[in-house]
C-alpha atoms as a PDB file:
ATOM      1  CA  MET A   1       0.000   0.000   0.000  1.00  0.00           C
ATOM      2  CA  PRO A   2       1.321   3.470  -0.866  1.00  0.00           C
ATOM      3  CA  VAL A   3       2.233   5.777   1.981  1.00  0.00           C
ATOM      4  CA  ALA A   4       1.226   9.434   1.741  1.00  0.00           C
ATOM      5  CA  ILE A   5       2.523  11.901   4.311  1.00  0.00           C
ATOM      6  CA  LEU A   6       1.031  15.366   4.647  1.00  0.00           C
ATOM      7  CA  GLU A   7       2.937  18.147   6.386  1.00  0.00           C
ATOM      8  CA  VAL A   8       1.615  21.680   6.882  1.00  0.00           C
ATOM      9  CA  ASN A   9       4.009  24.304   8.243  1.00  0.00           C
ATOM     10  CA  GLU A  10       6.449  21.449   8.966  1.00  0.00           C
ATOM     11  CA  LYS A  11       3.844  19.684  11.151  1.00  0.00           C
ATOM     12  CA  LYS A  12       2.820  16.161  10.175  1.00  0.00           C
ATOM     13  CA  ILE A  13      -0.915  15.821   9.696  1.00  0.00           C
ATOM     14  CA  PRO A  14      -2.183  12.298  10.439  1.00  0.00           C
ATOM     15  CA  LEU A  15      -4.076  10.708   7.539  1.00  0.00           C
ATOM     16  CA  LYS A  16      -6.316   7.667   7.731  1.00  0.00           C
ATOM     17  CA  ASP A  17      -5.754   4.947   5.121  1.00  0.00           C
ATOM     18  CA  PHE A  18      -8.685   6.233   3.053  1.00  0.00           C
ATOM     19  CA  MET A  19      -7.208   9.743   2.882  1.00  0.00           C
ATOM     20  CA  GLN A  20      -3.748   8.378   2.015  1.00  0.00           C
ATOM     21  CA  ASP A  21      -5.258   6.342  -0.829  1.00  0.00           C
ATOM     22  CA  MET A  22      -7.275   9.318  -2.092  1.00  0.00           C
ATOM     23  CA  LEU A  23      -4.282  11.667  -2.075  1.00  0.00           C
ATOM     24  CA  THR A  24      -2.106   9.051  -3.784  1.00  0.00           C
ATOM     25  CA  ASN A  25      -4.687   8.357  -6.498  1.00  0.00           C
ATOM     26  CA  ILE A  26      -5.238  12.048  -7.235  1.00  0.00           C
ATOM     27  CA  VAL A  27      -1.512  12.708  -7.648  1.00  0.00           C
ATOM     28  CA  GLN A  28      -0.910   9.529  -9.696  1.00  0.00           C
ATOM     29  CA  GLY A  29      -3.800  10.429 -12.015  1.00  0.00           C
ATOM     30  CA  PHE A  30      -2.364  13.899 -12.517  1.00  0.00           C
ATOM     31  CA  LEU A  31       1.108  12.530 -13.263  1.00  0.00           C
ATOM     32  CA  LYS A  32      -0.110   9.847 -15.693  1.00  0.00           C
ATOM     33  CA  SER A  33      -1.569  12.568 -17.900  1.00  0.00           C
ATOM     34  CA  THR A  34       1.562  14.760 -17.729  1.00  0.00           C
ATOM     35  CA  LYS A  35       4.202  14.462 -20.440  1.00  0.00           C
ATOM     36  CA  GLY A  36       7.774  13.747 -19.373  1.00  0.00           C
ATOM     37  CA  VAL A  37       6.894  11.776 -16.231  1.00  0.00           C
ATOM     38  CA  PRO A  38       8.485   8.300 -16.175  1.00  0.00           C
ATOM     39  CA  GLN A  39       6.120   5.315 -16.149  1.00  0.00           C
ATOM     40  CA  ASN A  40       7.875   3.677 -13.202  1.00  0.00           C
ATOM     41  CA  ILE A  41       7.375   6.113 -10.315  1.00  0.00           C
ATOM     42  CA  GLU A  42       8.924   5.187  -6.965  1.00  0.00           C
ATOM     43  CA  ASN A  43       8.705   8.457  -5.018  1.00  0.00           C
ATOM     44  CA  ILE A  44       6.892  11.756  -5.456  1.00  0.00           C
ATOM     45  CA  LYS A  45       7.643  14.974  -3.589  1.00  0.00           C
ATOM     46  CA  ILE A  46       5.383  18.011  -3.926  1.00  0.00           C
ATOM     47  CA  THR A  47       6.068  21.364  -2.273  1.00  0.00           C
ATOM     48  CA  ILE A  48       3.505  24.148  -2.434  1.00  0.00           C
ATOM     49  CA  LYS A  49       4.432  27.526  -0.968  1.00  0.00           C
ATOM     50  CA  LEU A  50       1.514  29.848  -0.315  1.00  0.00           C
END
């Protein structure tokens, strides 16, 4: 099972399995439709600065 970790302001936010799966599936779906992303993805890191 994929592991998704959410941190906000450097504080880890606990995610239930359902939320981890949802976050993982959303990001994987986005990446599968993006050119230049390798098919075999092992790790993904996303940083959003607001």
